[in-house]
Protein backbone atom coordinates (compact mmCIF):
# COMPACT_ATOMS: atom_id res chain seq x y z
CA MET A 1 -0.28 -27.33 -24.57
CA SER A 2 -2.44 -25.47 -26.27
CA SER A 3 -3.38 -25.85 -29.80
CA LEU A 4 -2.85 -23.16 -31.46
CA THR A 5 -0.33 -22.91 -34.65
CA SER A 6 0.33 -19.45 -34.71
CA LEU A 7 2.01 -18.95 -31.38
CA PRO A 8 5.13 -16.15 -30.64
CA THR A 9 8.01 -17.34 -30.67
CA ILE A 10 9.88 -13.32 -30.75
CA ASN A 11 8.67 -11.11 -27.44
CA THR A 12 9.16 -7.46 -26.93
CA GLY A 13 9.32 -5.18 -23.83
CA PHE A 14 11.00 -2.73 -21.57
CA SER A 15 13.75 -4.42 -19.55
CA LEU A 16 15.16 -3.60 -16.36
CA VAL A 17 18.57 -1.89 -16.97
CA LEU A 18 20.42 -1.50 -12.96
CA ASN A 19 22.12 1.60 -12.63
CA ASP A 20 23.24 2.75 -8.81
CA ASP A 21 22.39 6.66 -9.37
CA GLN A 22 19.33 7.53 -7.86
CA SER A 23 19.01 10.89 -9.51
CA LEU A 24 18.29 9.15 -12.69
CA PRO A 25 14.37 9.52 -14.09
CA SER A 26 12.62 5.99 -14.01
CA SER A 27 12.27 6.26 -17.89
CA ALA A 28 16.50 5.93 -17.44
CA ARG A 29 15.60 2.70 -15.58
CA ILE A 30 14.28 0.63 -18.79
CA ALA A 31 15.14 -0.57 -22.00
CA LEU A 32 12.85 -1.60 -24.63
CA LEU A 33 14.15 -5.56 -25.73
CA GLU A 34 13.34 -8.14 -27.91
CA LYS A 35 13.92 -11.49 -26.95
CA PRO A 36 12.89 -14.78 -27.46
CA VAL A 37 9.37 -16.02 -25.67
CA ALA A 38 9.95 -18.26 -22.96
CA LYS A 39 9.51 -21.39 -22.56
CA LEU A 40 6.55 -22.36 -21.01
CA ARG A 41 7.10 -24.37 -17.63
CA LYS A 42 4.80 -27.13 -15.84
CA GLY A 43 2.02 -24.54 -14.50
CA GLN A 44 2.43 -21.69 -16.17
CA VAL A 45 0.92 -19.64 -18.96
CA LEU A 46 1.55 -17.62 -21.97
CA VAL A 47 -0.76 -14.54 -21.88
CA LYS A 48 -0.54 -12.22 -24.75
CA MET A 49 -0.63 -8.53 -23.28
CA LEU A 50 -3.79 -5.86 -24.05
CA ALA A 51 -2.78 -3.48 -21.05
CA SER A 52 -0.74 -3.14 -18.19
CA PRO A 53 -0.78 -0.22 -15.91
CA VAL A 54 2.04 1.51 -13.67
CA ASN A 55 2.32 1.28 -9.89
CA PRO A 56 3.81 2.88 -6.85
CA SER A 57 6.01 -0.73 -6.38
CA ASP A 58 7.15 -0.49 -9.92
CA LEU A 59 9.01 2.76 -9.31
CA VAL A 60 10.38 1.42 -6.31
CA TYR A 61 11.75 -1.35 -7.96
CA LEU A 62 13.35 -0.20 -10.82
CA LEU A 63 15.28 1.60 -7.83
CA GLY A 64 16.61 -1.79 -6.47
CA LYS A 65 14.29 -0.77 -3.34
CA TYR A 66 11.79 -3.79 -4.31
CA GLY A 67 11.13 -6.87 -1.50
CA LEU A 68 12.64 -8.83 -4.35
CA ALA A 69 16.15 -9.16 -5.55
CA PRO A 70 16.03 -6.73 -9.50
CA ASN A 71 17.08 -8.87 -12.29
CA ASN A 72 18.29 -7.23 -15.01
CA GLY A 73 17.54 -7.43 -18.40
CA ALA A 74 14.09 -8.77 -17.19
CA TYR A 75 10.69 -7.65 -18.38
CA VAL A 76 9.88 -4.95 -15.73
CA GLY A 77 6.06 -4.72 -14.29
CA PHE A 78 3.84 -6.57 -11.91
CA GLU A 79 0.20 -6.74 -13.49
CA GLY A 80 -2.02 -7.05 -16.31
CA CYS A 81 -4.98 -7.33 -18.66
CA GLY A 82 -4.11 -10.01 -21.49
CA VAL A 83 -5.74 -13.15 -23.44
CA VAL A 84 -4.21 -16.50 -21.92
CA VAL A 85 -2.58 -18.36 -25.74
CA ASP A 86 -1.43 -21.06 -24.75
CA ALA A 87 -0.79 -23.10 -21.12
CA ASN A 88 1.04 -26.08 -19.67
CA ALA A 89 -0.80 -26.45 -16.61
CA GLY A 90 -2.98 -28.89 -16.64
CA LEU A 91 -7.06 -28.76 -16.73
CA TYR A 92 -7.54 -25.58 -15.39
CA GLY A 93 -4.47 -23.60 -17.43
CA LYS A 94 -6.58 -25.75 -20.61
CA TRP A 95 -9.33 -23.94 -19.62
CA LEU A 96 -8.22 -20.79 -19.27
CA VAL A 97 -6.40 -20.51 -23.05
CA GLY A 98 -8.74 -18.16 -24.81
CA LYS A 99 -10.02 -16.21 -22.25
CA ARG A 100 -9.12 -12.42 -21.04
CA VAL A 101 -7.60 -12.37 -17.39
CA ALA A 102 -5.85 -10.06 -15.03
CA VAL A 103 -2.38 -10.89 -14.21
CA SER A 104 -0.44 -10.63 -11.90
CA ALA A 105 3.30 -11.44 -12.47
CA GLN A 106 5.43 -14.56 -11.36
CA PRO A 107 8.16 -13.34 -8.89
CA GLY A 108 11.72 -13.50 -9.95
CA ILE A 109 10.97 -14.26 -13.99
CA ASP A 110 9.67 -11.13 -16.84
CA GLY A 111 7.47 -8.75 -15.71
CA VAL A 112 4.07 -8.36 -17.81
CA TRP A 113 5.43 -4.84 -19.56
CA ALA A 114 5.49 -6.93 -23.16
CA LYS A 115 3.83 -7.77 -25.63
CA TYR A 116 4.04 -11.35 -24.03
CA ALA A 117 4.24 -12.91 -20.36
CA VAL A 118 4.66 -16.10 -18.70
CA THR A 119 3.36 -16.45 -15.55
CA LYS A 120 1.91 -19.19 -13.11
CA ALA A 121 -1.40 -20.05 -14.08
CA ASN A 122 -3.27 -19.32 -10.80
CA PHE A 123 -1.62 -15.69 -11.39
CA CYS A 124 -4.53 -15.42 -13.92
CA LEU A 125 -8.01 -14.31 -12.63
CA PRO A 126 -10.86 -14.24 -15.54
CA VAL A 127 -12.36 -10.72 -15.80
CA ARG A 128 -15.69 -10.11 -16.73
CA GLN A 129 -16.87 -8.17 -20.35
CA SER A 130 -18.11 -5.06 -18.77
CA LEU A 131 -14.50 -4.22 -17.56
CA SER A 132 -12.36 -2.07 -19.84
CA ASP A 133 -9.02 -3.19 -20.61
CA GLU A 134 -7.73 -0.77 -18.78
CA GLN A 135 -9.77 -1.22 -15.59
CA ALA A 136 -8.94 -5.15 -15.96
CA ALA A 137 -5.58 -4.15 -15.44
CA THR A 138 -5.97 -2.49 -12.28
CA ILE A 139 -7.88 -4.70 -10.44
CA ILE A 140 -5.26 -7.21 -8.75
CA VAL A 141 -2.45 -4.80 -6.71
CA ASN A 142 -5.06 -1.94 -6.02
CA PRO A 143 -7.86 -2.95 -5.59
CA CYS A 144 -7.32 -6.15 -3.77
CA THR A 145 -5.10 -4.60 -1.89
CA SER A 146 -7.82 -2.07 -0.76
CA VAL A 147 -9.56 -4.66 -0.06
CA CYS A 148 -8.01 -7.01 2.10
CA MET A 149 -6.48 -4.22 4.63
CA VAL A 150 -9.90 -2.99 5.00
CA ASP A 151 -10.78 -6.78 6.34
CA ARG A 152 -8.01 -6.92 8.40
CA ALA A 153 -9.26 -3.91 9.73
CA ILE A 154 -12.43 -5.20 10.55
CA ALA A 155 -10.49 -7.76 12.10
CA LEU A 156 -8.51 -5.39 14.35
CA LYS A 157 -12.02 -4.31 15.19
CA ALA A 158 -11.48 -1.10 14.20
CA LYS A 159 -14.37 1.57 13.76
CA ALA A 160 -12.07 4.16 11.86
CA MET A 161 -8.90 4.32 10.02
CA VAL A 162 -6.10 7.03 9.10
CA ILE A 163 -4.75 6.61 5.82
CA ASN A 164 -1.95 8.34 4.16
CA ALA A 165 -0.95 9.14 0.98
CA ALA A 166 -4.76 9.17 0.70
CA ALA A 167 -4.87 10.54 -3.11
CA SER A 168 -3.33 6.99 -4.17
CA GLN A 169 -5.07 4.72 -6.04
CA VAL A 170 -5.28 2.48 -2.99
CA GLY A 171 -6.03 5.31 -0.38
CA LYS A 172 -9.53 6.06 -2.63
CA GLY A 173 -10.14 2.35 -3.21
CA VAL A 174 -9.79 2.25 0.74
CA ILE A 175 -11.89 5.32 1.59
CA ARG A 176 -14.83 3.90 -1.19
CA TYR A 177 -15.05 0.49 0.17
CA ALA A 178 -14.36 1.56 3.79
CA ASN A 179 -17.98 3.59 3.22
CA MET A 180 -19.67 1.04 2.00
CA LEU A 181 -19.13 -0.96 4.85
CA GLY A 182 -19.81 2.18 7.36
CA LEU A 183 -16.32 2.86 8.43
CA LYS A 184 -14.92 6.04 9.22
CA THR A 185 -11.78 7.39 7.42
CA ILE A 186 -9.05 9.81 8.25
CA ALA A 187 -7.16 10.51 4.95
CA THR A 188 -4.36 12.64 5.13
CA VAL A 189 -2.53 13.93 1.83
CA ARG A 190 0.24 16.48 1.28
CA SER A 191 -1.07 18.53 -2.02
CA GLU A 192 -4.14 21.07 -0.75
CA SER A 193 -5.41 19.90 -4.54
CA ASN A 194 -6.58 16.84 -3.49
CA VAL A 195 -8.12 17.79 -0.14
CA GLU A 196 -11.68 18.64 -1.91
CA VAL A 197 -11.19 15.41 -3.78
CA LEU A 198 -11.06 13.24 -1.49
CA GLN A 199 -13.91 14.84 0.34
CA LYS A 200 -16.28 14.54 -2.17
CA LEU A 201 -15.49 10.85 -2.70
CA GLY A 202 -16.27 10.53 0.85
CA ALA A 203 -13.29 10.85 3.69
CA THR A 204 -14.52 11.32 6.99
CA GLN A 205 -12.40 13.91 7.52
CA VAL A 206 -9.70 15.29 5.12
CA LEU A 207 -5.89 16.83 6.84
CA LEU A 208 -3.20 18.45 4.82
CA THR A 209 -0.02 16.95 6.32
CA THR A 210 1.85 20.20 5.36
CA ALA A 211 -0.56 22.62 7.49
CA ASP A 212 0.98 24.03 11.30
CA ASP A 213 -1.44 22.09 13.16
CA PHE A 214 -1.72 18.63 11.45
CA GLN A 215 -0.50 16.92 14.25
CA GLU A 216 -3.29 18.21 16.61
CA GLU A 217 -6.06 18.09 13.97
CA LEU A 218 -5.21 14.64 13.59
CA LYS A 219 -4.86 13.59 17.12
CA GLN A 220 -7.96 15.56 17.59
CA ALA A 221 -9.84 13.31 15.08
CA CYS A 222 -8.15 9.92 15.78
CA HIS A 223 -9.62 10.41 19.37
CA ASP A 224 -13.19 12.13 18.03
CA LEU A 225 -13.36 9.00 15.75
CA HIS A 226 -11.60 6.02 17.13
CA ALA A 227 -9.26 5.37 14.70
CA THR A 228 -7.13 2.94 16.02
CA VAL A 229 -5.62 1.62 12.00
CA LEU A 230 -3.39 3.41 10.12
CA LEU A 231 -2.54 1.86 6.52
CA ASP A 232 1.16 3.39 5.64
CA ALA A 233 2.50 3.63 2.43
CA VAL A 234 4.72 6.24 3.20
CA ALA A 235 6.88 4.42 5.75
CA ALA A 236 10.03 6.27 7.24
CA GLU A 237 9.37 8.90 9.64
CA ASP A 238 5.41 8.96 8.85
CA THR A 239 4.85 5.86 10.36
CA PRO A 240 5.58 6.86 14.43
CA ARG A 241 4.62 10.51 13.69
CA MET A 242 1.11 9.19 12.68
CA LEU A 243 1.09 6.57 15.88
CA LYS A 244 1.83 9.11 17.99
CA ALA A 245 -1.23 10.67 17.38
CA MET A 246 -3.18 7.69 17.60
CA PRO A 247 -5.02 5.96 20.73
CA ASN A 248 -3.33 3.27 22.50
CA ASN A 249 -3.40 -0.25 20.94
CA SER A 250 -3.07 0.95 17.63
CA THR A 251 -1.93 -1.05 14.92
CA ALA A 252 0.02 0.62 12.18
CA ILE A 253 -0.33 -1.47 8.76
CA VAL A 254 2.49 -1.38 6.31
CA TYR A 255 1.94 -1.58 2.65
CA GLY A 256 4.81 0.64 0.69
CA ARG A 257 7.14 3.01 1.28
CA LEU A 258 6.81 6.03 -0.79
CA THR A 259 8.88 8.19 1.13
CA GLU A 260 12.56 9.24 -0.76
CA THR A 261 14.95 7.88 1.38
CA PHE A 262 18.23 6.27 0.55
CA ASP A 263 17.82 3.56 3.29
CA PRO A 264 17.38 0.16 2.09
CA VAL A 265 14.99 -0.72 5.26
CA GLY A 266 12.87 2.67 5.28
CA GLY A 267 11.53 1.70 8.69
CA LEU A 268 10.85 3.69 11.78
CA PHE A 269 8.93 3.23 15.04
CA SER A 270 8.55 4.79 17.96
CA VAL A 271 10.04 1.94 20.83
CA ALA A 272 8.35 3.93 23.91
CA ASP A 273 4.73 3.23 21.86
CA VAL A 274 5.25 -0.45 21.57
CA ILE A 275 6.14 -1.29 24.72
CA PHE A 276 4.15 1.32 26.94
CA ARG A 277 1.24 2.13 24.71
CA ASN A 278 0.49 -1.35 23.61
CA ILE A 279 1.44 0.10 19.52
CA LYS A 280 1.51 -3.15 17.02
CA ILE A 281 3.37 -2.80 13.49
CA GLU A 282 2.26 -5.65 10.39
CA GLY A 283 2.88 -5.29 7.23
CA PHE A 284 1.40 -6.29 4.02
CA TRP A 285 2.49 -7.41 0.71
CA LEU A 286 -0.46 -8.91 -2.00
CA ALA A 287 1.80 -11.26 -3.59
CA LYS A 288 2.48 -13.14 0.10
CA TYR A 289 -1.66 -12.70 0.68
CA ILE A 290 -2.42 -14.34 -2.90
CA GLY A 291 0.65 -17.02 -2.57
CA ASP A 292 -0.27 -18.03 0.57
CA ALA A 293 -3.99 -18.28 0.16
CA ASN A 294 -5.89 -21.29 -1.39
CA PRO A 295 -7.04 -21.19 -5.08
CA TRP A 296 -10.93 -20.78 -3.74
CA GLN A 297 -10.00 -17.76 -1.30
CA VAL A 298 -8.17 -16.13 -4.27
CA ILE A 299 -10.91 -16.56 -6.62
CA SER A 300 -13.33 -15.33 -4.01
CA LEU A 301 -11.05 -12.17 -3.88
CA SER A 302 -11.16 -11.47 -7.36
CA ARG A 303 -15.15 -11.58 -7.99
CA LYS A 304 -15.66 -9.22 -4.82
CA VAL A 305 -13.19 -6.85 -6.44
CA GLN A 306 -14.94 -7.03 -10.30
CA LYS A 307 -18.27 -7.04 -8.37
CA LEU A 308 -17.34 -3.89 -6.71
CA PHE A 309 -16.02 -2.10 -9.30
CA GLU A 310 -19.54 -2.96 -11.55
CA GLN A 311 -21.30 -1.16 -8.77
CA GLY A 312 -18.70 2.23 -9.48
CA ILE A 313 -17.20 1.46 -5.79
CA PHE A 314 -14.25 0.79 -7.18
CA HIS A 315 -12.74 2.85 -10.29
CA THR A 316 -8.95 3.37 -11.18
CA ASP A 317 -8.00 6.75 -12.36
CA ILE A 318 -6.67 6.31 -15.85
CA TYR A 319 -4.09 9.65 -16.66
CA ALA A 320 -3.12 8.07 -20.25
CA SER A 321 -3.08 5.18 -22.08
CA VAL A 322 0.30 4.79 -24.51
CA ASN A 323 2.43 2.42 -26.59
CA PHE A 324 5.92 1.62 -26.22
CA GLU A 325 6.80 4.69 -28.35
CA ASP A 326 5.36 7.20 -25.81
CA PHE A 327 6.13 4.62 -22.67
CA PRO A 328 9.11 6.27 -21.35
CA LYS A 329 7.91 9.73 -20.71
CA ALA A 330 4.50 9.02 -19.50
CA LEU A 331 6.23 6.98 -16.96
CA ASP A 332 8.35 10.06 -16.18
CA HIS A 333 4.59 11.75 -15.28
CA TYR A 334 3.76 8.94 -13.06
CA ALA A 335 6.69 9.26 -11.12
CA LYS A 336 6.23 13.08 -10.00
CA HIS A 337 2.19 13.08 -10.17
CA LYS A 338 0.83 9.73 -9.29
CA SER A 339 -2.35 11.17 -7.80
CA ASP A 340 -3.06 12.17 -11.70
CA GLY A 341 -3.96 8.49 -12.36
CA LYS A 342 -2.48 5.55 -13.80
CA VAL A 343 -0.16 5.25 -17.09
CA ILE A 344 -1.56 2.01 -19.05
CA LEU A 345 1.19 0.61 -21.68
CA LYS A 346 -0.98 -1.21 -24.64
CA PRO A 347 1.93 -3.00 -26.53
CA HIS A 348 0.16 -3.69 -29.31
CA ASP A 349 -0.95 -0.23 -30.13
């Protein structure tokens, strides 16, 4: 254990408030709660949180629709940045004490929208001094997802990819990383204001989903660029809609469900396409990837992502950095305007 003598005994953070009314805003699903700091179990560390972002997965979790069962009264938040202040995790944990790290929440316990967070030592990745707290807080969920999915597309021998909800931070990261590797990208967006943004970012082609000729334009673009991988953050009707325009033998990698549906499953696909056109559908969940990977694979991924940040390939757009008092209002803004950039909670401000 750490030899520090000024360890906190009381924690403050935003806890989950379960409510079946799906019309309630995100701010009505959290409450500021003070409770004792959890005792460290073997393999765990205590992190003083410096910054924690809001991600789409957090919003889905607040609605009770995420892959993990909602834990009423537990702190919320899946990732962040902080300093390890205590450890019960062997040599690696002892080495982490005093270091600034990117943090992923340990599934099933409190999240990281709090002053302090408890998580597994191997869910902490030391971060470079060149990264600000806000940028360091965002290196796990979105950039790592972007890298892993592009690498998977390469393994599937794709020459081009279709990206829906492409104005998201994952979508922008995919476009930047794909450009670096020479892969073509077809970005689809709902808002006309995002078309020029993604064109300047380097997307090969940007299509507006609300256009009358969208389906025809998408089919032509997929044919011209040989796009055989769909990175799907929307799901529901969007999955078969996109795949219908893509060549035979294409693969959809589903990593989210942004569609506003009350269906607890939220996924649809064309059986005919799967049978007769050899369309494949697979999922990606970063928490499972990290859980299945060996430590060296995780460290290697972290180094790659941080290097991409330093090179300017990755950069997280920040809408606002706020304290506890201003967080609920900013949370509701993010829920409605995700493409404006991340909302960052700074719990000690």
